[in-house]
């Protein structure tokens, strides 16, 4: 290793998907500004945040105006403009592709993630030789009991669906990844696929670092129960074909139980121990069997829809020019 390699700080880019960040984004960028000069980690590494990428995902507030102001004030702030609202994961991928650093950190816009722990995550990456480090909340997340329970359940289901022995940590939106790995994954990810799922497919070693979570700077009003359920369903579908194998297993079990029940009723008929003519059994069997068939067809249809979206060339996201400069000379109609 040469002297220049030793003295050159590790470059880090921070990617923030922005939806409704008008109230919190400015304070987060101010915190990141302190890291744009060389910093020393607890483990002796030297790093610097060389860019902060703000990927605007067409929120309902004036986040776009704030992004423009921050970009004009700081040379290291890079705006990324999406053509419409695509969601948190596509916006994050678009931001990752705008980086060129050694490492990429992704964090939320709401102030819950403390940038001061980027150094600790870097130390953990070098200590374990891991290309992906997730923040592991060291305190109770500042949400309701039901939401925390649903989140833990979803993460356990995710690890079971992935079936990857190297993924033994809970995924989190505050993550550190090797820059090259992140950019390749972000460029190749398909529509409807979660970033954490795609990373689990290719990263050989995943670890976590204990990081305390702060109270969000605004209410999480965009995450309704319906939207959280939709996110969970997309997670299941994008995790692979394991749900289809589960349905096949349910079908085999159902067929076995039906066969066993048939033998039972044949024995009852032979011994003359039939008191009711089986209307209830037929109806229950028909309802259960019909429900399983419809469920199976629904899951298969969802997979076919994902395949069709990819085959038709549907993009996961589209980066465009700043909407304010798309029509030079036009007046703002707001």
Protein backbone atom coordinates (compact mmCIF):
# COMPACT_ATOMS: atom_id res chain seq x y z
CA UNK A 1 0.00 0.00 0.00
CA UNK A 2 1.42 3.38 -1.00
CA UNK A 3 1.66 6.50 1.15
CA UNK A 4 -1.04 8.18 -0.97
CA UNK A 5 -3.43 5.28 -0.36
CA UNK A 6 -2.86 5.55 3.39
CA UNK A 7 -3.37 9.34 3.49
CA UNK A 8 -6.39 9.44 1.17
CA UNK A 9 -9.62 9.43 3.20
CA UNK A 10 -12.27 6.83 2.47
CA UNK A 11 -14.94 8.55 0.39
CA UNK A 12 -18.57 8.19 1.47
CA UNK A 13 -21.73 9.34 -0.30
CA UNK A 14 -24.98 9.78 1.59
CA UNK A 15 -28.21 9.09 -0.31
CA UNK A 16 -31.48 10.46 1.05
CA UNK A 17 -34.79 9.68 -0.71
CA UNK A 18 -36.95 12.78 -0.22
CA UNK A 19 -40.74 12.71 -0.21
CA UNK A 20 -42.08 15.11 2.43
CA UNK A 21 -38.86 16.39 3.95
CA UNK A 22 -39.39 20.13 4.04
CA UNK A 23 -39.49 20.25 7.86
CA UNK A 24 -36.51 17.97 8.56
CA UNK A 25 -34.17 17.89 5.56
CA UNK A 26 -32.37 21.15 6.30
CA UNK A 27 -31.30 20.03 9.78
CA UNK A 28 -30.09 16.68 8.41
CA UNK A 29 -27.95 18.37 5.75
CA UNK A 30 -26.50 20.68 8.42
CA UNK A 31 -25.42 17.61 10.41
CA UNK A 32 -23.88 16.05 7.31
CA UNK A 33 -22.00 19.28 6.56
CA UNK A 34 -19.77 18.59 9.58
CA UNK A 35 -18.66 15.33 7.93
CA UNK A 36 -17.57 16.87 4.62
CA UNK A 37 -14.09 17.42 6.04
CA UNK A 38 -11.88 14.41 6.93
CA UNK A 39 -13.12 12.57 10.03
CA UNK A 40 -11.52 9.93 12.21
CA UNK A 41 -13.48 6.83 13.25
CA UNK A 42 -13.11 5.13 16.61
CA UNK A 43 -11.16 2.38 14.86
CA UNK A 44 -8.63 4.77 13.33
CA UNK A 45 -10.07 5.04 9.81
CA UNK A 46 -10.16 8.38 8.02
CA UNK A 47 -13.24 9.11 5.94
CA UNK A 48 -15.01 12.06 4.36
CA UNK A 49 -18.53 12.58 3.05
CA UNK A 50 -17.85 13.84 -0.46
CA UNK A 51 -21.47 14.09 -1.63
CA UNK A 52 -25.02 14.12 -0.31
CA UNK A 53 -27.52 12.96 -2.93
CA UNK A 54 -31.11 14.11 -2.43
CA UNK A 55 -33.48 12.08 -4.60
CA UNK A 56 -36.77 13.95 -4.89
CA UNK A 57 -39.73 11.58 -5.17
CA UNK A 58 -42.51 14.08 -5.90
CA UNK A 59 -43.71 14.75 -2.36
CA UNK A 60 -46.67 16.93 -1.47
CA UNK A 61 -44.74 19.70 0.28
CA UNK A 62 -42.10 22.15 -0.93
CA UNK A 63 -39.19 19.74 -0.56
CA UNK A 64 -38.12 20.46 -4.12
CA UNK A 65 -37.62 24.15 -3.36
CA UNK A 66 -35.57 23.27 -0.29
CA UNK A 67 -33.41 20.87 -2.32
CA UNK A 68 -32.64 23.64 -4.80
CA UNK A 69 -31.67 25.99 -1.97
CA UNK A 70 -29.42 23.38 -0.36
CA UNK A 71 -27.75 22.58 -3.71
CA UNK A 72 -27.08 26.28 -4.31
CA UNK A 73 -25.60 26.64 -0.82
CA UNK A 74 -23.46 23.48 -0.78
CA UNK A 75 -21.37 22.24 -3.71
CA UNK A 76 -21.47 18.67 -2.34
CA UNK A 77 -25.30 18.45 -2.45
CA UNK A 78 -26.48 16.68 -5.61
CA UNK A 79 -30.18 16.76 -6.49
CA UNK A 80 -31.73 13.84 -8.35
CA UNK A 81 -35.17 14.48 -9.86
CA UNK A 82 -37.55 11.60 -10.50
CA UNK A 83 -40.21 11.95 -13.19
CA UNK A 84 -43.00 10.94 -10.77
CA UNK A 85 -43.51 9.29 -7.40
CA UNK A 86 -41.92 5.82 -7.56
CA UNK A 87 -41.50 5.03 -3.85
CA UNK A 88 -38.67 4.93 -1.34
CA UNK A 89 -36.68 2.00 -2.75
CA UNK A 90 -36.62 3.17 -6.41
CA UNK A 91 -35.74 6.70 -5.27
CA UNK A 92 -32.90 5.29 -3.18
CA UNK A 93 -31.60 3.30 -6.16
CA UNK A 94 -31.71 6.39 -8.37
CA UNK A 95 -29.68 8.26 -5.76
CA UNK A 96 -27.13 5.45 -5.45
CA UNK A 97 -26.48 5.60 -9.20
CA UNK A 98 -25.59 9.29 -8.83
CA UNK A 99 -22.67 8.45 -6.52
CA UNK A 100 -19.06 7.56 -7.27
CA UNK A 101 -17.60 7.03 -3.81
CA UNK A 102 -15.99 4.06 -2.08
CA UNK A 103 -18.98 3.59 0.22
CA UNK A 104 -22.62 4.64 0.10
CA UNK A 105 -24.83 5.36 3.11
CA UNK A 106 -28.62 5.49 2.78
CA UNK A 107 -30.74 7.21 5.40
CA UNK A 108 -34.22 8.64 5.83
CA UNK A 109 -35.12 12.30 5.58
CA UNK A 110 -36.99 12.53 8.90
CA UNK A 111 -34.01 12.94 11.24
CA UNK A 112 -34.38 9.56 12.92
CA UNK A 113 -30.94 8.43 11.68
CA UNK A 114 -27.92 10.08 13.26
CA UNK A 115 -25.08 10.74 10.76
CA UNK A 116 -22.56 10.68 13.63
CA UNK A 117 -22.66 6.87 13.52
CA UNK A 118 -21.42 6.56 9.93
CA UNK A 119 -17.91 6.12 11.31
CA UNK A 120 -19.02 3.28 13.60
CA UNK A 121 -20.65 1.52 10.64
CA UNK A 122 -17.44 1.90 8.64
CA UNK A 123 -15.43 0.40 11.48
CA UNK A 124 -17.84 -2.54 11.59
CA UNK A 125 -17.51 -3.07 7.83
CA UNK A 126 -13.71 -3.18 7.94
CA UNK A 127 -13.66 -5.25 11.12
CA UNK A 128 -15.88 -7.98 9.64
CA UNK A 129 -14.88 -7.53 5.98
CA UNK A 130 -18.53 -6.96 5.14
CA UNK A 131 -19.79 -5.11 2.07
CA UNK A 132 -23.14 -4.34 3.70
CA UNK A 133 -23.77 -3.02 7.21
CA UNK A 134 -27.25 -2.37 8.59
CA UNK A 135 -27.98 -0.12 11.53
CA UNK A 136 -29.32 -2.19 14.40
CA UNK A 137 -31.53 0.04 16.60
CA UNK A 138 -30.08 -0.14 20.11
CA UNK A 139 -33.20 1.44 21.60
CA UNK A 140 -36.89 0.79 21.13
CA UNK A 141 -38.10 2.32 17.82
CA UNK A 142 -40.27 5.41 18.45
CA UNK A 143 -43.46 3.87 17.04
CA UNK A 144 -46.57 2.20 18.40
CA UNK A 145 -46.46 -1.34 19.78
CA UNK A 146 -48.47 -2.73 16.86
CA UNK A 147 -46.25 -1.09 14.24
CA UNK A 148 -43.07 -2.32 15.95
CA UNK A 149 -44.53 -5.83 16.16
CA UNK A 150 -45.53 -5.75 12.49
CA UNK A 151 -42.05 -4.51 11.54
CA UNK A 152 -40.30 -7.30 13.46
CA UNK A 153 -42.62 -9.90 11.95
CA UNK A 154 -42.04 -8.61 8.42
CA UNK A 155 -38.26 -8.75 8.87
CA UNK A 156 -38.40 -12.32 10.17
CA UNK A 157 -40.55 -13.35 7.22
CA UNK A 158 -38.06 -11.64 4.92
CA UNK A 159 -35.12 -13.63 6.29
CA UNK A 160 -37.09 -16.86 6.00
CA UNK A 161 -38.11 -16.12 2.41
CA UNK A 162 -34.57 -15.22 1.37
CA UNK A 163 -33.24 -18.44 2.88
CA UNK A 164 -29.72 -17.01 2.81
CA UNK A 165 -27.55 -18.15 5.71
CA UNK A 166 -25.32 -15.09 5.33
CA UNK A 167 -28.23 -12.73 6.03
CA UNK A 168 -28.60 -13.06 9.80
CA UNK A 169 -29.45 -9.43 10.57
CA UNK A 170 -32.58 -7.29 10.30
CA UNK A 171 -32.64 -5.02 7.31
CA UNK A 172 -33.00 -1.28 7.87
CA UNK A 173 -33.18 1.86 5.73
CA UNK A 174 -30.06 3.18 7.51
CA UNK A 175 -27.39 1.09 5.77
CA UNK A 176 -23.79 1.28 4.59
CA UNK A 177 -22.79 -0.57 1.42
CA UNK A 178 -19.73 -0.84 -0.78
CA UNK A 179 -20.13 1.72 -3.53
CA UNK A 180 -19.46 -0.64 -6.43
CA UNK A 181 -21.89 -3.24 -5.16
CA UNK A 182 -24.61 -0.68 -4.51
CA UNK A 183 -24.34 0.87 -7.96
CA UNK A 184 -24.47 -2.49 -9.77
CA UNK A 185 -27.53 -3.56 -7.79
CA UNK A 186 -29.25 -0.20 -8.26
CA UNK A 187 -28.69 -0.36 -12.02
CA UNK A 188 -30.03 -3.90 -12.43
CA UNK A 189 -32.93 -3.98 -9.99
CA UNK A 190 -36.29 -4.81 -11.54
CA UNK A 191 -39.67 -3.13 -10.97
CA UNK A 192 -41.29 -4.03 -7.67
CA UNK A 193 -38.10 -5.53 -6.19
CA UNK A 194 -36.95 -4.23 -2.82
CA UNK A 195 -33.38 -2.96 -2.55
CA UNK A 196 -32.69 -5.17 0.49
CA UNK A 197 -33.85 -8.27 -1.42
CA UNK A 198 -31.56 -7.47 -4.36
CA UNK A 199 -28.62 -6.83 -2.02
CA UNK A 200 -29.21 -10.16 -0.24
CA UNK A 201 -28.91 -11.94 -3.60
CA UNK A 202 -25.33 -10.74 -4.21
CA UNK A 203 -23.65 -9.65 -0.97
CA UNK A 204 -21.68 -12.55 0.58
CA UNK A 205 -21.35 -11.13 4.10
CA UNK A 206 -23.85 -8.91 5.88
CA UNK A 207 -23.49 -7.50 9.38
CA UNK A 208 -24.94 -4.81 11.63
CA UNK A 209 -23.82 -2.05 13.99
CA UNK A 210 -25.69 -0.85 17.06
CA UNK A 211 -27.08 2.62 16.42
CA UNK A 212 -29.58 4.50 18.62
CA UNK A 213 -32.61 5.79 16.75
CA UNK A 214 -33.82 9.33 17.37
CA UNK A 215 -37.41 10.52 17.43
CA UNK A 216 -38.63 11.42 13.97
CA UNK A 217 -38.80 15.13 13.26
CA UNK A 218 -42.32 14.78 11.84
CA UNK A 219 -45.23 12.34 12.17
CA UNK A 220 -45.01 9.26 9.91
CA UNK A 221 -48.36 10.13 8.35
CA UNK A 222 -47.56 8.57 4.98
CA UNK A 223 -47.26 5.07 6.46
CA UNK A 224 -50.89 4.03 6.88
CA UNK A 225 -51.79 0.41 7.78
CA UNK A 226 -52.90 -0.12 4.18
CA UNK A 227 -49.60 1.16 2.80
CA UNK A 228 -47.56 -0.89 5.26
CA UNK A 229 -49.53 -4.00 4.27
CA UNK A 230 -48.86 -3.21 0.60
CA UNK A 231 -45.11 -2.87 1.32
CA UNK A 232 -45.13 -6.22 3.10
CA UNK A 233 -46.90 -7.95 0.19
CA UNK A 234 -44.39 -6.52 -2.29
CA UNK A 235 -41.59 -7.74 -0.04
CA UNK A 236 -43.02 -11.26 -0.12
CA UNK A 237 -43.40 -11.26 -3.91
CA UNK A 238 -39.96 -9.82 -4.61
CA UNK A 239 -38.21 -12.27 -2.28
CA UNK A 240 -38.23 -15.10 -4.84
CA UNK A 241 -40.35 -18.14 -5.62
CA UNK A 242 -40.56 -19.54 -2.11
CA UNK A 243 -44.23 -18.49 -1.71
CA UNK A 244 -45.06 -20.60 -4.76
CA UNK A 245 -43.38 -23.60 -3.16
CA UNK A 246 -45.34 -22.94 0.03
CA UNK A 247 -48.57 -23.00 -1.98
CA UNK A 248 -47.50 -26.29 -3.56
CA UNK A 249 -46.90 -27.70 -0.08
CA UNK A 250 -50.32 -26.52 1.09
CA UNK A 251 -51.85 -28.22 -1.95
CA UNK A 252 -50.12 -31.50 -1.12
CA UNK A 253 -51.25 -31.31 2.52
CA UNK A 254 -54.79 -30.47 1.44
CA UNK A 255 -54.85 -33.43 -0.96
CA UNK A 256 -53.53 -35.76 1.75
CA UNK A 257 -56.14 -34.59 4.24
CA UNK A 258 -58.86 -35.02 1.62
CA UNK A 259 -57.67 -38.56 0.90
CA UNK A 260 -57.57 -39.39 4.62
CA UNK A 261 -61.03 -37.92 5.12
CA UNK A 262 -62.31 -39.99 2.21
CA UNK A 263 -61.00 -43.20 3.79
CA UNK A 264 -62.61 -42.21 7.09
CA UNK A 265 -66.02 -41.75 5.49
CA UNK A 266 -65.71 -45.01 3.53
CA UNK A 267 -65.11 -46.84 6.82
CA UNK A 268 -68.08 -45.03 8.38
CA UNK A 269 -70.27 -46.06 5.46
CA UNK A 270 -69.10 -49.69 5.67
CA UNK A 271 -69.84 -49.90 9.39
CA UNK A 272 -73.23 -48.21 9.03
CA UNK A 273 -72.21 -45.39 11.36
CA UNK A 274 -73.41 -42.54 9.12
CA UNK A 275 -76.00 -40.38 10.87
CA UNK A 276 -75.77 -37.23 8.72
CA UNK A 277 -75.69 -37.37 4.95
CA UNK A 278 -72.54 -35.24 4.55
CA UNK A 279 -73.94 -31.90 3.46
CA UNK A 280 -71.76 -30.02 5.98
CA UNK A 281 -68.64 -31.91 4.94
CA UNK A 282 -69.24 -31.20 1.27
CA UNK A 283 -69.84 -27.50 1.87
CA UNK A 284 -66.84 -27.04 4.17
CA UNK A 285 -64.61 -29.01 1.83
CA UNK A 286 -65.82 -26.99 -1.14
CA UNK A 287 -65.25 -23.67 0.61
CA UNK A 288 -61.79 -24.59 1.89
CA UNK A 289 -60.71 -26.11 -1.41
CA UNK A 290 -62.12 -23.22 -3.42
CA UNK A 291 -60.41 -20.70 -1.14
CA UNK A 292 -57.05 -22.43 -1.54
CA UNK A 293 -57.46 -22.53 -5.31
CA UNK A 294 -58.35 -18.82 -5.49
CA UNK A 295 -55.45 -17.93 -3.18
CA UNK A 296 -53.05 -19.94 -5.32
CA UNK A 297 -54.31 -18.33 -8.53
CA UNK A 298 -54.01 -14.87 -6.94
CA UNK A 299 -50.38 -15.37 -5.93
CA UNK A 300 -49.50 -16.84 -9.33
CA UNK A 301 -51.24 -13.89 -11.02
CA UNK A 302 -49.12 -11.46 -8.97
CA UNK A 303 -45.94 -13.17 -10.16
CA UNK A 304 -47.16 -13.13 -13.75
CA UNK A 305 -47.87 -9.41 -13.36
CA UNK A 306 -44.28 -8.78 -12.22
CA UNK A 307 -42.95 -10.78 -15.17
CA UNK A 308 -45.21 -8.90 -17.58
CA UNK A 309 -44.08 -5.52 -16.19
CA UNK A 310 -40.44 -6.43 -16.80
CA UNK A 311 -41.05 -7.92 -20.26
CA UNK A 312 -42.92 -4.78 -21.35
CA UNK A 313 -39.92 -2.66 -20.39
CA UNK A 314 -41.48 -0.98 -17.36
CA UNK A 315 -38.75 0.94 -15.57
CA UNK A 316 -38.22 0.96 -11.81
CA UNK A 317 -37.60 4.72 -11.89
CA UNK A 318 -36.77 7.53 -14.32
CA UNK A 319 -34.40 10.40 -13.59
CA UNK A 320 -35.17 13.68 -15.37
CA UNK A 321 -33.96 17.26 -15.33
CA UNK A 322 -35.05 19.65 -12.61
CA UNK A 323 -38.79 20.21 -13.28
CA UNK A 324 -38.25 23.93 -12.68
CA UNK A 325 -35.93 24.14 -15.70
CA UNK A 326 -37.91 21.80 -17.96
CA UNK A 327 -39.88 24.71 -19.41
CA UNK A 328 -37.63 27.78 -19.57
CA UNK A 329 -39.54 31.04 -19.34
CA UNK A 330 -42.74 29.43 -18.07
CA UNK A 331 -44.41 31.08 -15.07
CA UNK A 332 -45.24 29.12 -11.92
CA UNK A 333 -48.99 28.44 -11.87
CA UNK A 334 -49.08 27.50 -8.18
